[in-house]
C-alpha atoms as a PDB file:
ATOM      1  CA  UNK A   1      34.466  65.790-107.934  1.00  0.00           C
ATOM      2  CA  UNK A   2      37.810  67.403-108.664  1.00  0.00           C
ATOM      3  CA  UNK A   3      41.436  66.238-108.229  1.00  0.00           C
ATOM      4  CA  UNK A   4      43.794  67.365-105.491  1.00  0.00           C
ATOM      5  CA  UNK A   5      45.853  69.288-108.037  1.00  0.00           C
ATOM      6  CA  UNK A   6      42.817  71.209-109.184  1.00  0.00           C
ATOM      7  CA  UNK A   7      41.934  71.986-105.478  1.00  0.00           C
ATOM      8  CA  UNK A   8      45.411  73.289-105.023  1.00  0.00           C
ATOM      9  CA  UNK A   9      45.116  75.398-108.085  1.00  0.00           C
ATOM     10  CA  UNK A  10      41.818  76.883-107.072  1.00  0.00           C
ATOM     11  CA  UNK A  11      42.683  77.579-103.425  1.00  0.00           C
ATOM     12  CA  UNK A  12      46.375  78.215-103.418  1.00  0.00           C
ATOM     13  CA  UNK A  13      46.894  75.518-100.810  1.00  0.00           C
ATOM     14  CA  UNK A  14      49.687  73.185-101.573  1.00  0.00           C
ATOM     15  CA  UNK A  15      49.109  69.582-102.460  1.00  0.00           C
ATOM     16  CA  UNK A  16      51.416  68.695 -99.591  1.00  0.00           C
ATOM     17  CA  UNK A  17      49.219  70.618 -97.122  1.00  0.00           C
ATOM     18  CA  UNK A  18      46.024  68.998 -98.448  1.00  0.00           C
ATOM     19  CA  UNK A  19      47.733  65.509 -97.966  1.00  0.00           C
ATOM     20  CA  UNK A  20      48.703  66.412 -94.324  1.00  0.00           C
ATOM     21  CA  UNK A  21      45.042  67.532 -93.580  1.00  0.00           C
ATOM     22  CA  UNK A  22      43.995  64.126 -94.877  1.00  0.00           C
ATOM     23  CA  UNK A  23      46.700  62.327 -92.730  1.00  0.00           C
ATOM     24  CA  UNK A  24      45.558  64.017 -89.462  1.00  0.00           C
ATOM     25  CA  UNK A  25      41.893  63.539 -90.171  1.00  0.00           C
ATOM     26  CA  UNK A  26      41.127  67.223 -90.580  1.00  0.00           C
ATOM     27  CA  UNK A  27      39.958  67.062 -94.238  1.00  0.00           C
ATOM     28  CA  UNK A  28      39.462  63.700 -95.931  1.00  0.00           C
ATOM     29  CA  UNK A  29      38.809  63.438 -99.615  1.00  0.00           C
ATOM     30  CA  UNK A  30      35.476  62.056-100.880  1.00  0.00           C
ATOM     31  CA  UNK A  31      37.284  59.410-102.921  1.00  0.00           C
ATOM     32  CA  UNK A  32      40.218  58.418-104.914  1.00  0.00           C
ATOM     33  CA  UNK A  33      40.931  57.675-108.594  1.00  0.00           C
ATOM     34  CA  UNK A  34      42.030  54.235-109.750  1.00  0.00           C
ATOM     35  CA  UNK A  35      45.567  55.612-109.632  1.00  0.00           C
ATOM     36  CA  UNK A  36      45.043  56.536-105.901  1.00  0.00           C
ATOM     37  CA  UNK A  37      44.789  60.321-106.462  1.00  0.00           C
ATOM     38  CA  UNK A  38      42.512  62.211-103.965  1.00  0.00           C
ATOM     39  CA  UNK A  39      39.163  63.652-105.155  1.00  0.00           C
ATOM     40  CA  UNK A  40      37.101  66.354-103.475  1.00  0.00           C
ATOM     41  CA  UNK A  41      33.491  67.408-103.646  1.00  0.00           C
ATOM     42  CA  UNK A  42      31.896  70.807-102.982  1.00  0.00           C
ATOM     43  CA  UNK A  43      31.470  69.878 -99.410  1.00  0.00           C
ATOM     44  CA  UNK A  44      35.124  69.392 -98.793  1.00  0.00           C
ATOM     45  CA  UNK A  45      35.861  72.651-100.586  1.00  0.00           C
ATOM     46  CA  UNK A  46      33.531  74.460 -98.244  1.00  0.00           C
ATOM     47  CA  UNK A  47      35.102  72.860 -95.111  1.00  0.00           C
ATOM     48  CA  UNK A  48      38.511  73.803 -96.560  1.00  0.00           C
ATOM     49  CA  UNK A  49      37.414  77.423 -96.651  1.00  0.00           C
ATOM     50  CA  UNK A  50      36.288  77.136 -93.127  1.00  0.00           C
ATOM     51  CA  UNK A  51      39.603  75.530 -92.040  1.00  0.00           C
ATOM     52  CA  UNK A  52      41.603  78.396 -93.696  1.00  0.00           C
ATOM     53  CA  UNK A  53      39.426  81.096 -92.151  1.00  0.00           C
ATOM     54  CA  UNK A  54      39.816  79.686 -88.624  1.00  0.00           C
ATOM     55  CA  UNK A  55      43.564  79.443 -89.219  1.00  0.00           C
ATOM     56  CA  UNK A  56      43.626  83.127 -90.128  1.00  0.00           C
ATOM     57  CA  UNK A  57      41.947  83.749 -86.735  1.00  0.00           C
ATOM     58  CA  UNK A  58      44.806  82.053 -85.138  1.00  0.00           C
ATOM     59  CA  UNK A  59      43.283  78.731 -84.007  1.00  0.00           C
ATOM     60  CA  UNK A  60      45.488  75.601 -84.083  1.00  0.00           C
ATOM     61  CA  UNK A  61      44.663  72.702 -86.454  1.00  0.00           C
ATOM     62  CA  UNK A  62      43.701  70.544 -83.280  1.00  0.00           C
ATOM     63  CA  UNK A  63      41.364  73.251 -82.227  1.00  0.00           C
ATOM     64  CA  UNK A  64      39.849  73.497 -85.667  1.00  0.00           C
ATOM     65  CA  UNK A  65      39.244  69.818 -85.877  1.00  0.00           C
ATOM     66  CA  UNK A  66      37.421  69.885 -82.519  1.00  0.00           C
ATOM     67  CA  UNK A  67      35.384  72.906 -83.520  1.00  0.00           C
ATOM     68  CA  UNK A  68      34.300  71.488 -86.865  1.00  0.00           C
ATOM     69  CA  UNK A  69      33.562  67.979 -85.421  1.00  0.00           C
ATOM     70  CA  UNK A  70      31.352  69.181 -82.506  1.00  0.00           C
ATOM     71  CA  UNK A  71      27.976  70.412 -83.775  1.00  0.00           C
ATOM     72  CA  UNK A  72      27.306  71.951 -80.324  1.00  0.00           C
ATOM     73  CA  UNK A  73      30.598  73.753 -80.054  1.00  0.00           C
ATOM     74  CA  UNK A  74      30.284  77.062 -78.179  1.00  0.00           C
ATOM     75  CA  UNK A  75      31.551  79.397 -80.789  1.00  0.00           C
ATOM     76  CA  UNK A  76      30.960  82.515 -78.731  1.00  0.00           C
ATOM     77  CA  UNK A  77      33.274  81.233 -75.968  1.00  0.00           C
ATOM     78  CA  UNK A  78      35.915  80.157 -78.442  1.00  0.00           C
ATOM     79  CA  UNK A  79      35.924  83.476 -80.249  1.00  0.00           C
ATOM     80  CA  UNK A  80      36.049  85.429 -77.020  1.00  0.00           C
ATOM     81  CA  UNK A  81      39.107  83.382 -75.829  1.00  0.00           C
ATOM     82  CA  UNK A  82      40.784  83.812 -79.285  1.00  0.00           C
ATOM     83  CA  UNK A  83      40.136  87.537 -79.206  1.00  0.00           C
ATOM     84  CA  UNK A  84      41.750  87.945 -75.752  1.00  0.00           C
ATOM     85  CA  UNK A  85      44.769  85.831 -76.937  1.00  0.00           C
ATOM     86  CA  UNK A  86      45.075  88.116 -80.113  1.00  0.00           C
ATOM     87  CA  UNK A  87      44.967  91.232 -77.806  1.00  0.00           C
ATOM     88  CA  UNK A  88      47.633  89.771 -75.613  1.00  0.00           C
ATOM     89  CA  UNK A  89      49.824  88.811 -78.491  1.00  0.00           C
ATOM     90  CA  UNK A  90      49.419  92.321 -79.916  1.00  0.00           C
ATOM     91  CA  UNK A  91      50.500  93.857 -76.522  1.00  0.00           C
ATOM     92  CA  UNK A  92      53.580  91.574 -76.560  1.00  0.00           C
ATOM     93  CA  UNK A  93      54.446  92.716 -80.141  1.00  0.00           C
ATOM     94  CA  UNK A  94      54.107  96.306 -78.997  1.00  0.00           C
ATOM     95  CA  UNK A  95      56.579  95.502 -76.233  1.00  0.00           C
ATOM     96  CA  UNK A  96      58.868  93.883 -78.745  1.00  0.00           C
ATOM     97  CA  UNK A  97      58.619  96.904 -81.032  1.00  0.00           C
ATOM     98  CA  UNK A  98      59.470  99.211 -78.125  1.00  0.00           C
ATOM     99  CA  UNK A  99      62.508  97.176 -77.131  1.00  0.00           C
ATOM    100  CA  UNK A 100      63.816  97.064 -80.660  1.00  0.00           C
ATOM    101  CA  UNK A 101      63.378 100.852 -80.969  1.00  0.00           C
ATOM    102  CA  UNK A 102      65.118 101.315 -77.641  1.00  0.00           C
ATOM    103  CA  UNK A 103      68.092  99.267 -78.932  1.00  0.00           C
ATOM    104  CA  UNK A 104      68.282 101.083 -82.239  1.00  0.00           C
ATOM    105  CA  UNK A 105      67.949 104.456 -80.486  1.00  0.00           C
ATOM    106  CA  UNK A 106      70.688 103.455 -77.956  1.00  0.00           C
ATOM    107  CA  UNK A 107      73.000 102.803 -81.015  1.00  0.00           C
ATOM    108  CA  UNK A 108      72.332 106.478 -82.038  1.00  0.00           C
ATOM    109  CA  UNK A 109      73.313 107.587 -78.619  1.00  0.00           C
ATOM    110  CA  UNK A 110      76.290 105.298 -77.857  1.00  0.00           C
ATOM    111  CA  UNK A 111      77.588 104.878 -81.400  1.00  0.00           C
ATOM    112  CA  UNK A 112      77.307 101.075 -80.761  1.00  0.00           C
ATOM    113  CA  UNK A 113      75.280  98.621 -78.752  1.00  0.00           C
ATOM    114  CA  UNK A 114      77.487  96.738 -76.200  1.00  0.00           C
ATOM    115  CA  UNK A 115      76.366  94.180 -73.626  1.00  0.00           C
ATOM    116  CA  UNK A 116      76.453  96.649 -70.723  1.00  0.00           C
ATOM    117  CA  UNK A 117      74.151  98.860 -72.696  1.00  0.00           C
ATOM    118  CA  UNK A 118      71.781  95.933 -73.426  1.00  0.00           C
ATOM    119  CA  UNK A 119      71.948  94.875 -69.729  1.00  0.00           C
ATOM    120  CA  UNK A 120      70.937  98.251 -68.649  1.00  0.00           C
ATOM    121  CA  UNK A 121      67.972  98.205 -70.988  1.00  0.00           C
ATOM    122  CA  UNK A 122      67.072  94.760 -69.878  1.00  0.00           C
ATOM    123  CA  UNK A 123      67.098  95.999 -66.292  1.00  0.00           C
ATOM    124  CA  UNK A 124      64.857  98.862 -67.142  1.00  0.00           C
ATOM    125  CA  UNK A 125      62.309  96.537 -68.968  1.00  0.00           C
ATOM    126  CA  UNK A 126      62.200  94.261 -65.958  1.00  0.00           C
ATOM    127  CA  UNK A 127      61.225  97.174 -63.713  1.00  0.00           C
ATOM    128  CA  UNK A 128      57.474  96.612 -63.276  1.00  0.00           C
ATOM    129  CA  UNK A 129      55.426  99.604 -64.643  1.00  0.00           C
ATOM    130  CA  UNK A 130      53.339  99.718 -61.456  1.00  0.00           C
ATOM    131  CA  UNK A 131      56.621 100.453 -59.481  1.00  0.00           C
ATOM    132  CA  UNK A 132      57.527 103.159 -61.966  1.00  0.00           C
ATOM    133  CA  UNK A 133      54.119 104.803 -61.599  1.00  0.00           C
ATOM    134  CA  UNK A 134      54.263 104.551 -57.854  1.00  0.00           C
ATOM    135  CA  UNK A 135      57.673 106.318 -57.749  1.00  0.00           C
ATOM    136  CA  UNK A 136      56.428 109.027 -60.090  1.00  0.00           C
ATOM    137  CA  UNK A 137      53.332 109.554 -57.942  1.00  0.00           C
ATOM    138  CA  UNK A 138      55.560 109.803 -54.930  1.00  0.00           C
ATOM    139  CA  UNK A 139      57.964 112.337 -56.432  1.00  0.00           C
ATOM    140  CA  UNK A 140      55.700 114.454 -58.600  1.00  0.00           C
ATOM    141  CA  UNK A 141      52.485 116.448 -58.149  1.00  0.00           C
ATOM    142  CA  UNK A 142      49.615 115.659 -60.347  1.00  0.00           C
ATOM    143  CA  UNK A 143      50.102 118.427 -62.813  1.00  0.00           C
ATOM    144  CA  UNK A 144      53.838 117.564 -62.865  1.00  0.00           C
ATOM    145  CA  UNK A 145      52.950 113.939 -63.811  1.00  0.00           C
ATOM    146  CA  UNK A 146      51.220 115.244 -66.831  1.00  0.00           C
ATOM    147  CA  UNK A 147      54.464 117.029 -67.744  1.00  0.00           C
ATOM    148  CA  UNK A 148      56.273 113.736 -67.673  1.00  0.00           C
ATOM    149  CA  UNK A 149      54.351 112.677 -70.767  1.00  0.00           C
ATOM    150  CA  UNK A 150      56.272 115.449 -72.669  1.00  0.00           C
ATOM    151  CA  UNK A 151      59.663 113.872 -71.924  1.00  0.00           C
ATOM    152  CA  UNK A 152      61.542 112.123 -74.762  1.00  0.00           C
ATOM    153  CA  UNK A 153      61.310 108.372 -74.808  1.00  0.00           C
ATOM    154  CA  UNK A 154      64.028 105.995 -76.087  1.00  0.00           C
ATOM    155  CA  UNK A 155      61.325 103.470 -77.079  1.00  0.00           C
ATOM    156  CA  UNK A 156      59.489 105.841 -79.330  1.00  0.00           C
ATOM    157  CA  UNK A 157      60.149 107.382 -82.813  1.00  0.00           C
ATOM    158  CA  UNK A 158      58.218 110.576 -82.565  1.00  0.00           C
ATOM    159  CA  UNK A 159      60.329 113.598 -83.925  1.00  0.00           C
ATOM    160  CA  UNK A 160      60.722 115.211 -80.536  1.00  0.00           C
ATOM    161  CA  UNK A 161      62.263 112.042 -78.987  1.00  0.00           C
ATOM    162  CA  UNK A 162      64.387 111.344 -81.966  1.00  0.00           C
ATOM    163  CA  UNK A 163      65.846 114.948 -81.841  1.00  0.00           C
ATOM    164  CA  UNK A 164      66.689 114.583 -78.122  1.00  0.00           C
ATOM    165  CA  UNK A 165      68.422 111.164 -78.907  1.00  0.00           C
ATOM    166  CA  UNK A 166      70.349 112.775 -81.683  1.00  0.00           C
ATOM    167  CA  UNK A 167      71.445 115.619 -79.412  1.00  0.00           C
ATOM    168  CA  UNK A 168      72.603 113.281 -76.600  1.00  0.00           C
ATOM    169  CA  UNK A 169      74.427 111.230 -79.144  1.00  0.00           C
ATOM    170  CA  UNK A 170      76.150 114.325 -80.501  1.00  0.00           C
ATOM    171  CA  UNK A 171      77.090 115.422 -76.998  1.00  0.00           C
ATOM    172  CA  UNK A 172      78.696 112.097 -76.243  1.00  0.00           C
ATOM    173  CA  UNK A 173      80.728 112.264 -79.563  1.00  0.00           C
ATOM    174  CA  UNK A 174      82.123 115.627 -78.349  1.00  0.00           C
ATOM    175  CA  UNK A 175      82.976 114.570 -74.803  1.00  0.00           C
ATOM    176  CA  UNK A 176      86.518 115.444 -75.306  1.00  0.00           C
ATOM    177  CA  UNK A 177      85.942 118.998 -76.645  1.00  0.00           C
ATOM    178  CA  UNK A 178      85.076 120.297 -73.044  1.00  0.00           C
ATOM    179  CA  UNK A 179      81.839 121.992 -71.799  1.00  0.00           C
ATOM    180  CA  UNK A 180      82.801 125.264 -73.184  1.00  0.00           C
ATOM    181  CA  UNK A 181      83.527 124.284 -76.747  1.00  0.00           C
ATOM    182  CA  UNK A 182      81.447 125.828 -79.570  1.00  0.00           C
ATOM    183  CA  UNK A 183      79.985 122.399 -80.520  1.00  0.00           C
ATOM    184  CA  UNK A 184      79.053 121.505 -76.970  1.00  0.00           C
ATOM    185  CA  UNK A 185      77.509 124.887 -76.482  1.00  0.00           C
ATOM    186  CA  UNK A 186      75.534 124.524 -79.805  1.00  0.00           C
ATOM    187  CA  UNK A 187      74.110 121.226 -78.478  1.00  0.00           C
ATOM    188  CA  UNK A 188      73.379 122.698 -75.043  1.00  0.00           C
ATOM    189  CA  UNK A 189      71.659 125.721 -76.752  1.00  0.00           C
ATOM    190  CA  UNK A 190      69.335 123.421 -78.814  1.00  0.00           C
ATOM    191  CA  UNK A 191      68.504 121.404 -75.650  1.00  0.00           C
ATOM    192  CA  UNK A 192      67.647 124.564 -73.796  1.00  0.00           C
ATOM    193  CA  UNK A 193      65.342 125.773 -76.691  1.00  0.00           C
ATOM    194  CA  UNK A 194      63.485 122.441 -76.466  1.00  0.00           C
ATOM    195  CA  UNK A 195      63.341 122.671 -72.665  1.00  0.00           C
ATOM    196  CA  UNK A 196      61.761 126.171 -72.972  1.00  0.00           C
ATOM    197  CA  UNK A 197      59.385 125.084 -75.583  1.00  0.00           C
ATOM    198  CA  UNK A 198      57.925 122.219 -73.372  1.00  0.00           C
ATOM    199  CA  UNK A 199      58.554 123.384 -69.881  1.00  0.00           C
ATOM    200  CA  UNK A 200      58.790 127.226 -69.819  1.00  0.00           C
ATOM    201  CA  UNK A 201      57.571 128.400 -66.417  1.00  0.00           C
ATOM    202  CA  UNK A 202      58.115 124.902 -64.843  1.00  0.00           C
ATOM    203  CA  UNK A 203      61.482 125.515 -63.357  1.00  0.00           C
ATOM    204  CA  UNK A 204      60.752 123.732 -60.152  1.00  0.00           C
ATOM    205  CA  UNK A 205      59.632 120.537 -62.178  1.00  0.00           C
ATOM    206  CA  UNK A 206      62.721 120.766 -64.218  1.00  0.00           C
ATOM    207  CA  UNK A 207      65.009 120.975 -61.261  1.00  0.00           C
ATOM    208  CA  UNK A 208      63.349 118.125 -59.548  1.00  0.00           C
ATOM    209  CA  UNK A 209      63.626 116.016 -62.662  1.00  0.00           C
ATOM    210  CA  UNK A 210      67.361 116.825 -62.934  1.00  0.00           C
ATOM    211  CA  UNK A 211      68.010 115.875 -59.421  1.00  0.00           C
ATOM    212  CA  UNK A 212      66.523 112.591 -60.155  1.00  0.00           C
ATOM    213  CA  UNK A 213      68.396 112.095 -63.366  1.00  0.00           C
ATOM    214  CA  UNK A 214      71.669 112.624 -61.419  1.00  0.00           C
ATOM    215  CA  UNK A 215      70.786 109.746 -59.201  1.00  0.00           C
ATOM    216  CA  UNK A 216      71.410 106.426 -60.856  1.00  0.00           C
ATOM    217  CA  UNK A 217      69.084 104.605 -58.488  1.00  0.00           C
ATOM    218  CA  UNK A 218      66.183 107.048 -58.780  1.00  0.00           C
ATOM    219  CA  UNK A 219      66.651 107.301 -62.535  1.00  0.00           C
ATOM    220  CA  UNK A 220      66.198 103.536 -62.766  1.00  0.00           C
ATOM    221  CA  UNK A 221      63.224 103.541 -60.451  1.00  0.00           C
ATOM    222  CA  UNK A 222      61.639 106.084 -62.743  1.00  0.00           C
ATOM    223  CA  UNK A 223      62.405 104.162 -65.941  1.00  0.00           C
ATOM    224  CA  UNK A 224      64.887 106.760 -67.419  1.00  0.00           C
ATOM    225  CA  UNK A 225      67.397 105.786 -69.964  1.00  0.00           C
ATOM    226  CA  UNK A 226      70.745 105.307 -68.151  1.00  0.00           C
ATOM    227  CA  UNK A 227      73.315 108.193 -68.719  1.00  0.00           C
ATOM    228  CA  UNK A 228      76.855 107.878 -67.424  1.00  0.00           C
ATOM    229  CA  UNK A 229      77.937 110.148 -64.642  1.00  0.00           C
ATOM    230  CA  UNK A 230      80.652 111.889 -66.726  1.00  0.00           C
ATOM    231  CA  UNK A 231      78.036 112.852 -69.365  1.00  0.00           C
ATOM    232  CA  UNK A 232      75.715 114.226 -66.720  1.00  0.00           C
ATOM    233  CA  UNK A 233      78.671 116.193 -65.284  1.00  0.00           C
ATOM    234  CA  UNK A 234      79.502 117.563 -68.773  1.00  0.00           C
ATOM    235  CA  UNK A 235      75.858 118.513 -69.167  1.00  0.00           C
ATOM    236  CA  UNK A 236      75.729 120.320 -65.914  1.00  0.00           C
ATOM    237  CA  UNK A 237      78.970 122.293 -66.524  1.00  0.00           C
ATOM    238  CA  UNK A 238      78.085 123.101 -70.151  1.00  0.00           C
ATOM    239  CA  UNK A 239      74.589 124.404 -69.127  1.00  0.00           C
ATOM    240  CA  UNK A 240      76.213 126.599 -66.425  1.00  0.00           C
ATOM    241  CA  UNK A 241      78.510 128.122 -69.011  1.00  0.00           C
ATOM    242  CA  UNK A 242      75.567 128.485 -71.475  1.00  0.00           C
ATOM    243  CA  UNK A 243      73.379 130.170 -68.807  1.00  0.00           C
ATOM    244  CA  UNK A 244      76.154 132.474 -67.793  1.00  0.00           C
ATOM    245  CA  UNK A 245      76.686 133.512 -71.391  1.00  0.00           C
ATOM    246  CA  UNK A 246      73.026 134.187 -71.893  1.00  0.00           C
ATOM    247  CA  UNK A 247      73.033 136.305 -68.741  1.00  0.00           C
ATOM    248  CA  UNK A 248      75.919 138.187 -70.012  1.00  0.00           C
ATOM    249  CA  UNK A 249      74.209 138.956 -73.251  1.00  0.00           C
ATOM    250  CA  UNK A 250      71.021 140.115 -71.546  1.00  0.00           C
ATOM    251  CA  UNK A 251      73.162 142.472 -69.302  1.00  0.00           C
ATOM    252  CA  UNK A 252      74.898 143.910 -72.358  1.00  0.00           C
ATOM    253  CA  UNK A 253      71.648 144.589 -74.190  1.00  0.00           C
ATOM    254  CA  UNK A 254      70.303 146.239 -71.013  1.00  0.00           C
ATOM    255  CA  UNK A 255      73.305 148.581 -70.799  1.00  0.00           C
ATOM    256  CA  UNK A 256      72.908 149.564 -74.353  1.00  0.00           C
END
């Protein structure tokens, strides 16, 4: 038999934890020294390994005690339930990750995160996915719904989404410059390049999406990140100026 300190040294489990396992009846020592120190045999060490393994699988100490005490325990059922629990917890963690990315990305757009911004994100997160999908199915044809997957997402960190987020943040920082200012036109130009790269030849889809974006209610129903009306107005005015400028350049080249 070996002492509790030696068990702790070999397993990395603290003496305090081993004492607690004894107190709750999960792992009792084989005996004690004259000085009342706990002693363990090989059988207890093997049981301790089982306890630690089941803990890593996410079982509670109460569940572990019941599992090890019952020789007819249905392991298959328990493991299936625990697997389902782990999968559900992973989904919760993914949702938490997406929410945190959304908050961090909103800071890139807004310059800060205020309670109104957070409340908007909370409202979006509470919008059931099934309702968002139903609205998208109602508004878009099947091939258009495939195009929706190409849209930037505030809750993702892929390069395309991050660039869109950065461009929107830059646009908001230059709101006072006016729609025709060089910096705003530069931002709009890059946005148009990205639009062409992803949606060239899908003008009807882009127009439909823009009309939805201009409606706060429809944007929310679709699950789009909320953008203030004045920013949308600046986007529309700046894009009209940009388009007119491109048309003028094309005309000049044609005349030459």
